[in-house]
All heavy atoms as atom14 arrays in JSON, in Angstrom:
{
  "sequence": "NTQTVSIQEATEPEYRDEQGVGYNTLEDGSLTTVVA",
  "atom14_mask": [
    [1, 1, 1, 1, 1, 1, 1, 1, 0, 0, 0, 0, 0, 0],
    [1, 1, 1, 1, 1, 1, 1, 0, 0, 0, 0, 0, 0, 0],
    [1, 1, 1, 1, 1, 1, 1, 1, 1, 0, 0, 0, 0, 0],
    [1, 1, 1, 1, 1, 1, 1, 0, 0, 0, 0, 0, 0, 0],
    [1, 1, 1, 1, 1, 1, 1, 0, 0, 0, 0, 0, 0, 0],
    [1, 1, 1, 1, 1, 1, 0, 0, 0, 0, 0, 0, 0, 0],
    [1, 1, 1, 1, 1, 1, 1, 1, 0, 0, 0, 0, 0, 0],
    [1, 1, 1, 1, 1, 1, 1, 1, 1, 0, 0, 0, 0, 0],
    [1, 1, 1, 1, 1, 1, 1, 1, 1, 0, 0, 0, 0, 0],
    [1, 1, 1, 1, 1, 0, 0, 0, 0, 0, 0, 0, 0, 0],
    [1, 1, 1, 1, 1, 1, 1, 0, 0, 0, 0, 0, 0, 0],
    [1, 1, 1, 1, 1, 1, 1, 1, 1, 0, 0, 0, 0, 0],
    [1, 1, 1, 1, 1, 1, 1, 0, 0, 0, 0, 0, 0, 0],
    [1, 1, 1, 1, 1, 1, 1, 1, 1, 0, 0, 0, 0, 0],
    [1, 1, 1, 1, 1, 1, 1, 1, 1, 1, 1, 1, 0, 0],
    [1, 1, 1, 1, 1, 1, 1, 1, 1, 1, 1, 0, 0, 0],
    [1, 1, 1, 1, 1, 1, 1, 1, 0, 0, 0, 0, 0, 0],
    [1, 1, 1, 1, 1, 1, 1, 1, 1, 0, 0, 0, 0, 0],
    [1, 1, 1, 1, 1, 1, 1, 1, 1, 0, 0, 0, 0, 0],
    [1, 1, 1, 1, 0, 0, 0, 0, 0, 0, 0, 0, 0, 0],
    [1, 1, 1, 1, 1, 1, 1, 0, 0, 0, 0, 0, 0, 0],
    [1, 1, 1, 1, 0, 0, 0, 0, 0, 0, 0, 0, 0, 0],
    [1, 1, 1, 1, 1, 1, 1, 1, 1, 1, 1, 1, 0, 0],
    [1, 1, 1, 1, 1, 1, 1, 1, 0, 0, 0, 0, 0, 0],
    [1, 1, 1, 1, 1, 1, 1, 0, 0, 0, 0, 0, 0, 0],
    [1, 1, 1, 1, 1, 1, 1, 1, 0, 0, 0, 0, 0, 0],
    [1, 1, 1, 1, 1, 1, 1, 1, 1, 0, 0, 0, 0, 0],
    [1, 1, 1, 1, 1, 1, 1, 1, 0, 0, 0, 0, 0, 0],
    [1, 1, 1, 1, 0, 0, 0, 0, 0, 0, 0, 0, 0, 0],
    [1, 1, 1, 1, 1, 1, 0, 0, 0, 0, 0, 0, 0, 0],
    [1, 1, 1, 1, 1, 1, 1, 1, 0, 0, 0, 0, 0, 0],
    [1, 1, 1, 1, 1, 1, 1, 0, 0, 0, 0, 0, 0, 0],
    [1, 1, 1, 1, 1, 1, 1, 0, 0, 0, 0, 0, 0, 0],
    [1, 1, 1, 1, 1, 1, 1, 0, 0, 0, 0, 0, 0, 0],
    [1, 1, 1, 1, 1, 1, 1, 0, 0, 0, 0, 0, 0, 0],
    [1, 1, 1, 1, 1, 0, 0, 0, 0, 0, 0, 0, 0, 0]
  ],
  "atom14_positions": [
    [[3.81, -20.59, 17.21], [2.83, -20.58, 16.16], [1.77, -19.55, 16.25], [0.71, -19.58, 15.57], [2.12, -22.0, 15.95], [3.14, -23.05, 15.56], [4.03, -22.77, 14.77], [2.98, -24.3, 16.02], [0.0, 0.0, 0.0], [0.0, 0.0, 0.0], [0.0, 0.0, 0.0], [0.0, 0.0, 0.0], [0.0, 0.0, 0.0], [0.0, 0.0, 0.0]],
    [[1.9, -18.59, 17.17], [0.99, -17.5, 17.29], [1.35, -16.47, 16.16], [2.43, -15.99, 16.08], [1.12, -16.81, 18.67], [0.81, -17.76, 19.63], [0.11, -15.59, 18.78], [0.0, 0.0, 0.0], [0.0, 0.0, 0.0], [0.0, 0.0, 0.0], [0.0, 0.0, 0.0], [0.0, 0.0, 0.0], [0.0, 0.0, 0.0], [0.0, 0.0, 0.0]],
    [[0.42, -16.09, 15.34], [0.61, -15.25, 14.23], [0.28, -13.8, 14.59], [-0.75, -13.46, 15.23], [-0.28, -15.59, 13.02], [0.12, -17.04, 12.42], [-0.73, -17.27, 11.2], [-1.67, -16.61, 10.89], [-0.34, -18.3, 10.5], [0.0, 0.0, 0.0], [0.0, 0.0, 0.0], [0.0, 0.0, 0.0], [0.0, 0.0, 0.0], [0.0, 0.0, 0.0]],
    [[1.22, -12.89, 14.2], [0.95, -11.48, 14.4], [0.96, -10.86, 13.04], [1.82, -11.1, 12.24], [2.0, -10.85, 15.27], [3.27, -11.05, 14.73], [1.99, -11.47, 16.74], [0.0, 0.0, 0.0], [0.0, 0.0, 0.0], [0.0, 0.0, 0.0], [0.0, 0.0, 0.0], [0.0, 0.0, 0.0], [0.0, 0.0, 0.0], [0.0, 0.0, 0.0]],
    [[0.01, -9.91, 12.83], [-0.07, -9.23, 11.54], [0.41, -7.8, 11.67], [-0.01, -7.05, 12.52], [-1.5, -9.29, 10.96], [-1.58, -8.54, 9.68], [-1.94, -10.77, 10.86], [0.0, 0.0, 0.0], [0.0, 0.0, 0.0], [0.0, 0.0, 0.0], [0.0, 0.0, 0.0], [0.0, 0.0, 0.0], [0.0, 0.0, 0.0], [0.0, 0.0, 0.0]],
    [[1.32, -7.41, 10.79], [1.8, -6.02, 10.75], [0.86, -5.14, 9.94], [0.56, -5.45, 8.77], [3.19, -5.99, 10.14], [3.66, -4.66, 10.02], [0.0, 0.0, 0.0], [0.0, 0.0, 0.0], [0.0, 0.0, 0.0], [0.0, 0.0, 0.0], [0.0, 0.0, 0.0], [0.0, 0.0, 0.0], [0.0, 0.0, 0.0], [0.0, 0.0, 0.0]],
    [[0.25, -4.17, 10.54], [-0.73, -3.24, 9.92], [-0.05, -1.9, 9.72], [0.35, -1.27, 10.66], [-2.0, -3.13, 10.72], [-2.7, -4.48, 10.92], [-2.96, -2.14, 10.06], [-3.88, -4.44, 11.86], [0.0, 0.0, 0.0], [0.0, 0.0, 0.0], [0.0, 0.0, 0.0], [0.0, 0.0, 0.0], [0.0, 0.0, 0.0], [0.0, 0.0, 0.0]],
    [[0.01, -1.52, 8.44], [0.65, -0.21, 8.13], [-0.38, 0.93, 8.38], [-1.45, 0.9, 7.81], [1.13, -0.19, 6.67], [1.94, 1.02, 6.29], [2.43, 0.99, 4.92], [2.28, 0.02, 4.17], [3.07, 2.07, 4.42], [0.0, 0.0, 0.0], [0.0, 0.0, 0.0], [0.0, 0.0, 0.0], [0.0, 0.0, 0.0], [0.0, 0.0, 0.0]],
    [[-0.01, 1.87, 9.19], [-0.87, 2.99, 9.47], [-0.91, 3.93, 8.3], [0.05, 4.2, 7.64], [-0.41, 3.7, 10.72], [-0.51, 2.89, 11.99], [-0.17, 3.66, 13.22], [0.1, 4.9, 13.04], [-0.17, 3.14, 14.31], [0.0, 0.0, 0.0], [0.0, 0.0, 0.0], [0.0, 0.0, 0.0], [0.0, 0.0, 0.0], [0.0, 0.0, 0.0]],
    [[-2.1, 4.47, 8.01], [-2.3, 5.43, 6.96], [-1.53, 6.74, 7.31], [-1.62, 7.2, 8.53], [-3.72, 5.74, 6.69], [0.0, 0.0, 0.0], [0.0, 0.0, 0.0], [0.0, 0.0, 0.0], [0.0, 0.0, 0.0], [0.0, 0.0, 0.0], [0.0, 0.0, 0.0], [0.0, 0.0, 0.0], [0.0, 0.0, 0.0], [0.0, 0.0, 0.0]],
    [[-0.86, 7.32, 6.42], [-0.18, 8.59, 6.72], [-0.69, 9.64, 5.75], [-1.07, 9.42, 4.62], [1.34, 8.43, 6.45], [1.58, 7.93, 5.13], [1.95, 7.46, 7.46], [0.0, 0.0, 0.0], [0.0, 0.0, 0.0], [0.0, 0.0, 0.0], [0.0, 0.0, 0.0], [0.0, 0.0, 0.0], [0.0, 0.0, 0.0], [0.0, 0.0, 0.0]],
    [[-0.78, 10.81, 6.33], [-1.29, 12.02, 5.45], [-0.19, 12.33, 4.45], [0.99, 12.39, 4.7], [-1.51, 13.2, 6.4], [-2.22, 14.38, 5.68], [-3.54, 14.14, 5.17], [-4.16, 13.09, 5.54], [-4.0, 14.94, 4.36], [0.0, 0.0, 0.0], [0.0, 0.0, 0.0], [0.0, 0.0, 0.0], [0.0, 0.0, 0.0], [0.0, 0.0, 0.0]],
    [[-0.67, 12.58, 3.18], [0.35, 12.92, 2.12], [0.96, 14.33, 2.4], [0.47, 15.1, 3.28], [-0.54, 12.94, 0.88], [-1.93, 13.22, 1.33], [-2.03, 12.54, 2.72], [0.0, 0.0, 0.0], [0.0, 0.0, 0.0], [0.0, 0.0, 0.0], [0.0, 0.0, 0.0], [0.0, 0.0, 0.0], [0.0, 0.0, 0.0], [0.0, 0.0, 0.0]],
    [[2.04, 14.62, 1.64], [2.63, 15.9, 1.85], [1.77, 17.07, 1.45], [1.77, 18.12, 2.1], [3.89, 15.98, 0.88], [5.01, 14.97, 1.27], [6.11, 15.04, 0.29], [6.65, 16.19, -0.02], [6.57, 13.98, -0.32], [0.0, 0.0, 0.0], [0.0, 0.0, 0.0], [0.0, 0.0, 0.0], [0.0, 0.0, 0.0], [0.0, 0.0, 0.0]],
    [[0.97, 16.87, 0.43], [0.05, 17.89, 0.01], [-1.33, 17.27, -0.2], [-1.4, 16.07, -0.44], [0.44, 18.48, -1.36], [1.87, 18.96, -1.4], [2.83, 18.11, -1.98], [2.24, 20.23, -0.95], [4.19, 18.59, -2.09], [3.56, 20.68, -1.01], [4.57, 19.84, -1.59], [5.82, 20.29, -1.69], [0.0, 0.0, 0.0], [0.0, 0.0, 0.0]],
    [[-2.35, 18.08, -0.12], [-3.76, 17.6, -0.46], [-4.46, 18.8, -1.13], [-4.6, 19.84, -0.45], [-4.49, 17.01, 0.75], [-5.77, 16.27, 0.31], [-6.51, 15.7, 1.47], [-5.88, 14.59, 2.04], [-5.93, 13.31, 1.52], [-6.55, 13.08, 0.39], [-5.33, 12.3, 2.16], [0.0, 0.0, 0.0], [0.0, 0.0, 0.0], [0.0, 0.0, 0.0]],
    [[-4.97, 18.64, -2.31], [-5.67, 19.75, -2.96], [-7.1, 19.89, -2.52], [-7.58, 19.05, -1.71], [-5.52, 19.61, -4.46], [-6.28, 18.49, -5.05], [-7.13, 17.92, -4.44], [-5.95, 18.02, -6.23], [0.0, 0.0, 0.0], [0.0, 0.0, 0.0], [0.0, 0.0, 0.0], [0.0, 0.0, 0.0], [0.0, 0.0, 0.0], [0.0, 0.0, 0.0]],
    [[-7.76, 20.9, -3.08], [-9.13, 21.16, -2.63], [-10.12, 20.09, -3.0], [-11.21, 20.0, -2.48], [-9.6, 22.47, -3.26], [-9.7, 22.56, -4.77], [-8.38, 22.85, -5.42], [-7.37, 22.92, -4.72], [-8.36, 22.93, -6.67], [0.0, 0.0, 0.0], [0.0, 0.0, 0.0], [0.0, 0.0, 0.0], [0.0, 0.0, 0.0], [0.0, 0.0, 0.0]],
    [[-9.73, 19.23, -3.96], [-10.59, 18.08, -4.35], [-10.52, 16.97, -3.32], [-11.37, 16.07, -3.3], [-10.19, 17.53, -5.67], [-10.25, 18.43, -6.84], [-9.77, 17.74, -8.13], [-10.5, 17.25, -8.94], [-8.39, 17.54, -8.22], [0.0, 0.0, 0.0], [0.0, 0.0, 0.0], [0.0, 0.0, 0.0], [0.0, 0.0, 0.0], [0.0, 0.0, 0.0]],
    [[-9.38, 16.92, -2.59], [-9.09, 15.77, -1.7], [-8.1, 14.82, -2.26], [-7.94, 13.67, -1.69], [0.0, 0.0, 0.0], [0.0, 0.0, 0.0], [0.0, 0.0, 0.0], [0.0, 0.0, 0.0], [0.0, 0.0, 0.0], [0.0, 0.0, 0.0], [0.0, 0.0, 0.0], [0.0, 0.0, 0.0], [0.0, 0.0, 0.0], [0.0, 0.0, 0.0]],
    [[-7.43, 15.16, -3.37], [-6.41, 14.34, -3.9], [-5.05, 14.61, -3.19], [-4.71, 15.82, -3.04], [-6.28, 14.55, -5.45], [-5.06, 13.71, -5.98], [-7.54, 14.24, -6.14], [0.0, 0.0, 0.0], [0.0, 0.0, 0.0], [0.0, 0.0, 0.0], [0.0, 0.0, 0.0], [0.0, 0.0, 0.0], [0.0, 0.0, 0.0], [0.0, 0.0, 0.0]],
    [[-4.39, 13.58, -2.75], [-3.06, 13.77, -2.07], [-1.95, 13.63, -3.1], [-2.02, 13.09, -4.16], [0.0, 0.0, 0.0], [0.0, 0.0, 0.0], [0.0, 0.0, 0.0], [0.0, 0.0, 0.0], [0.0, 0.0, 0.0], [0.0, 0.0, 0.0], [0.0, 0.0, 0.0], [0.0, 0.0, 0.0], [0.0, 0.0, 0.0], [0.0, 0.0, 0.0]],
    [[-0.79, 14.24, -2.71], [0.43, 14.25, -3.55], [1.63, 14.01, -2.64], [1.76, 14.53, -1.54], [0.61, 15.57, -4.18], [-0.52, 15.97, -5.12], [-1.61, 16.67, -4.67], [-0.47, 15.66, -6.55], [-2.63, 17.06, -5.5], [-1.45, 16.1, -7.39], [-2.52, 16.78, -6.88], [-3.59, 17.11, -7.7], [0.0, 0.0, 0.0], [0.0, 0.0, 0.0]],
    [[2.52, 13.17, -3.14], [3.84, 12.93, -2.49], [4.96, 13.25, -3.53], [4.7, 13.11, -4.72], [4.0, 11.56, -2.0], [3.27, 11.38, -0.63], [2.95, 12.31, 0.04], [2.9, 10.12, -0.34], [0.0, 0.0, 0.0], [0.0, 0.0, 0.0], [0.0, 0.0, 0.0], [0.0, 0.0, 0.0], [0.0, 0.0, 0.0], [0.0, 0.0, 0.0]],
    [[6.14, 13.57, -3.07], [7.26, 13.84, -3.89], [8.03, 12.59, -4.28], [8.35, 11.79, -3.42], [8.26, 14.83, -3.25], [7.56, 16.02, -2.85], [9.34, 15.23, -4.2], [0.0, 0.0, 0.0], [0.0, 0.0, 0.0], [0.0, 0.0, 0.0], [0.0, 0.0, 0.0], [0.0, 0.0, 0.0], [0.0, 0.0, 0.0], [0.0, 0.0, 0.0]],
    [[8.35, 12.48, -5.57], [9.1, 11.34, -6.06], [10.61, 11.67, -5.95], [10.99, 12.81, -5.68], [8.72, 10.95, -7.48], [7.3, 10.5, -7.7], [6.92, 10.42, -9.15], [7.09, 9.15, -7.01], [0.0, 0.0, 0.0], [0.0, 0.0, 0.0], [0.0, 0.0, 0.0], [0.0, 0.0, 0.0], [0.0, 0.0, 0.0], [0.0, 0.0, 0.0]],
    [[11.43, 10.64, -6.25], [12.87, 10.84, -6.14], [13.39, 11.95, -7.12], [14.4, 12.64, -6.81], [13.63, 9.49, -6.38], [13.45, 8.54, -5.29], [14.25, 7.27, -5.56], [14.98, 7.18, -6.6], [14.2, 6.32, -4.75], [0.0, 0.0, 0.0], [0.0, 0.0, 0.0], [0.0, 0.0, 0.0], [0.0, 0.0, 0.0], [0.0, 0.0, 0.0]],
    [[12.72, 12.05, -8.29], [13.24, 13.06, -9.21], [12.68, 14.43, -8.95], [12.94, 15.32, -9.72], [12.86, 12.57, -10.67], [11.32, 12.56, -10.87], [10.59, 12.86, -9.98], [10.95, 12.14, -12.05], [0.0, 0.0, 0.0], [0.0, 0.0, 0.0], [0.0, 0.0, 0.0], [0.0, 0.0, 0.0], [0.0, 0.0, 0.0], [0.0, 0.0, 0.0]],
    [[11.93, 14.61, -7.89], [11.42, 15.92, -7.49], [9.99, 16.17, -7.98], [9.38, 17.16, -7.59], [0.0, 0.0, 0.0], [0.0, 0.0, 0.0], [0.0, 0.0, 0.0], [0.0, 0.0, 0.0], [0.0, 0.0, 0.0], [0.0, 0.0, 0.0], [0.0, 0.0, 0.0], [0.0, 0.0, 0.0], [0.0, 0.0, 0.0], [0.0, 0.0, 0.0]],
    [[9.53, 15.36, -8.87], [8.13, 15.54, -9.42], [7.2, 14.83, -8.37], [7.51, 14.21, -7.4], [8.01, 14.86, -10.75], [8.12, 13.48, -10.64], [0.0, 0.0, 0.0], [0.0, 0.0, 0.0], [0.0, 0.0, 0.0], [0.0, 0.0, 0.0], [0.0, 0.0, 0.0], [0.0, 0.0, 0.0], [0.0, 0.0, 0.0], [0.0, 0.0, 0.0]],
    [[5.91, 15.12, -8.6], [4.86, 14.61, -7.7], [4.1, 13.45, -8.26], [3.93, 13.29, -9.5], [3.87, 15.72, -7.33], [4.38, 16.99, -6.7], [3.26, 17.94, -6.44], [5.13, 16.61, -5.34], [0.0, 0.0, 0.0], [0.0, 0.0, 0.0], [0.0, 0.0, 0.0], [0.0, 0.0, 0.0], [0.0, 0.0, 0.0], [0.0, 0.0, 0.0]],
    [[3.65, 12.56, -7.43], [2.7, 11.52, -7.72], [1.45, 11.73, -6.88], [1.54, 12.11, -5.73], [3.3, 10.14, -7.44], [2.25, 9.14, -7.72], [3.74, 9.94, -6.04], [0.0, 0.0, 0.0], [0.0, 0.0, 0.0], [0.0, 0.0, 0.0], [0.0, 0.0, 0.0], [0.0, 0.0, 0.0], [0.0, 0.0, 0.0], [0.0, 0.0, 0.0]],
    [[0.31, 11.46, -7.45], [-0.86, 11.55, -6.69], [-0.82, 10.27, -5.75], [-0.32, 9.22, -6.13], [-2.16, 11.41, -7.5], [-2.22, 10.2, -8.2], [-2.19, 12.6, -8.52], [0.0, 0.0, 0.0], [0.0, 0.0, 0.0], [0.0, 0.0, 0.0], [0.0, 0.0, 0.0], [0.0, 0.0, 0.0], [0.0, 0.0, 0.0], [0.0, 0.0, 0.0]],
    [[-1.51, 10.34, -4.62], [-1.62, 9.28, -3.72], [-3.11, 9.15, -3.32], [-3.94, 9.68, -4.1], [-0.72, 9.31, -2.45], [0.75, 9.12, -2.83], [-0.83, 10.67, -1.74], [0.0, 0.0, 0.0], [0.0, 0.0, 0.0], [0.0, 0.0, 0.0], [0.0, 0.0, 0.0], [0.0, 0.0, 0.0], [0.0, 0.0, 0.0], [0.0, 0.0, 0.0]],
    [[-3.47, 8.46, -2.26], [-4.83, 8.17, -2.0], [-5.7, 9.46, -2.0], [-5.39, 10.51, -1.46], [-4.98, 7.5, -0.63], [-4.46, 8.38, 0.49], [-6.4, 7.05, -0.36], [0.0, 0.0, 0.0], [0.0, 0.0, 0.0], [0.0, 0.0, 0.0], [0.0, 0.0, 0.0], [0.0, 0.0, 0.0], [0.0, 0.0, 0.0], [0.0, 0.0, 0.0]],
    [[-6.79, 9.36, -2.7], [-7.81, 10.42, -2.78], [-9.06, 10.09, -2.06], [-9.28, 8.93, -1.72], [-8.15, 10.69, -4.27], [0.0, 0.0, 0.0], [0.0, 0.0, 0.0], [0.0, 0.0, 0.0], [0.0, 0.0, 0.0], [0.0, 0.0, 0.0], [0.0, 0.0, 0.0], [0.0, 0.0, 0.0], [0.0, 0.0, 0.0], [0.0, 0.0, 0.0]]
  ]
}
């Protein structure tokens, strides 16, 4: 009954623009913004 919590580590996006907005590639090859 000891509970363990899985914590997902933050990962740096593939790209990050000068504003600080991150981008990752989608399956169709286009980009999605991620954490800014």
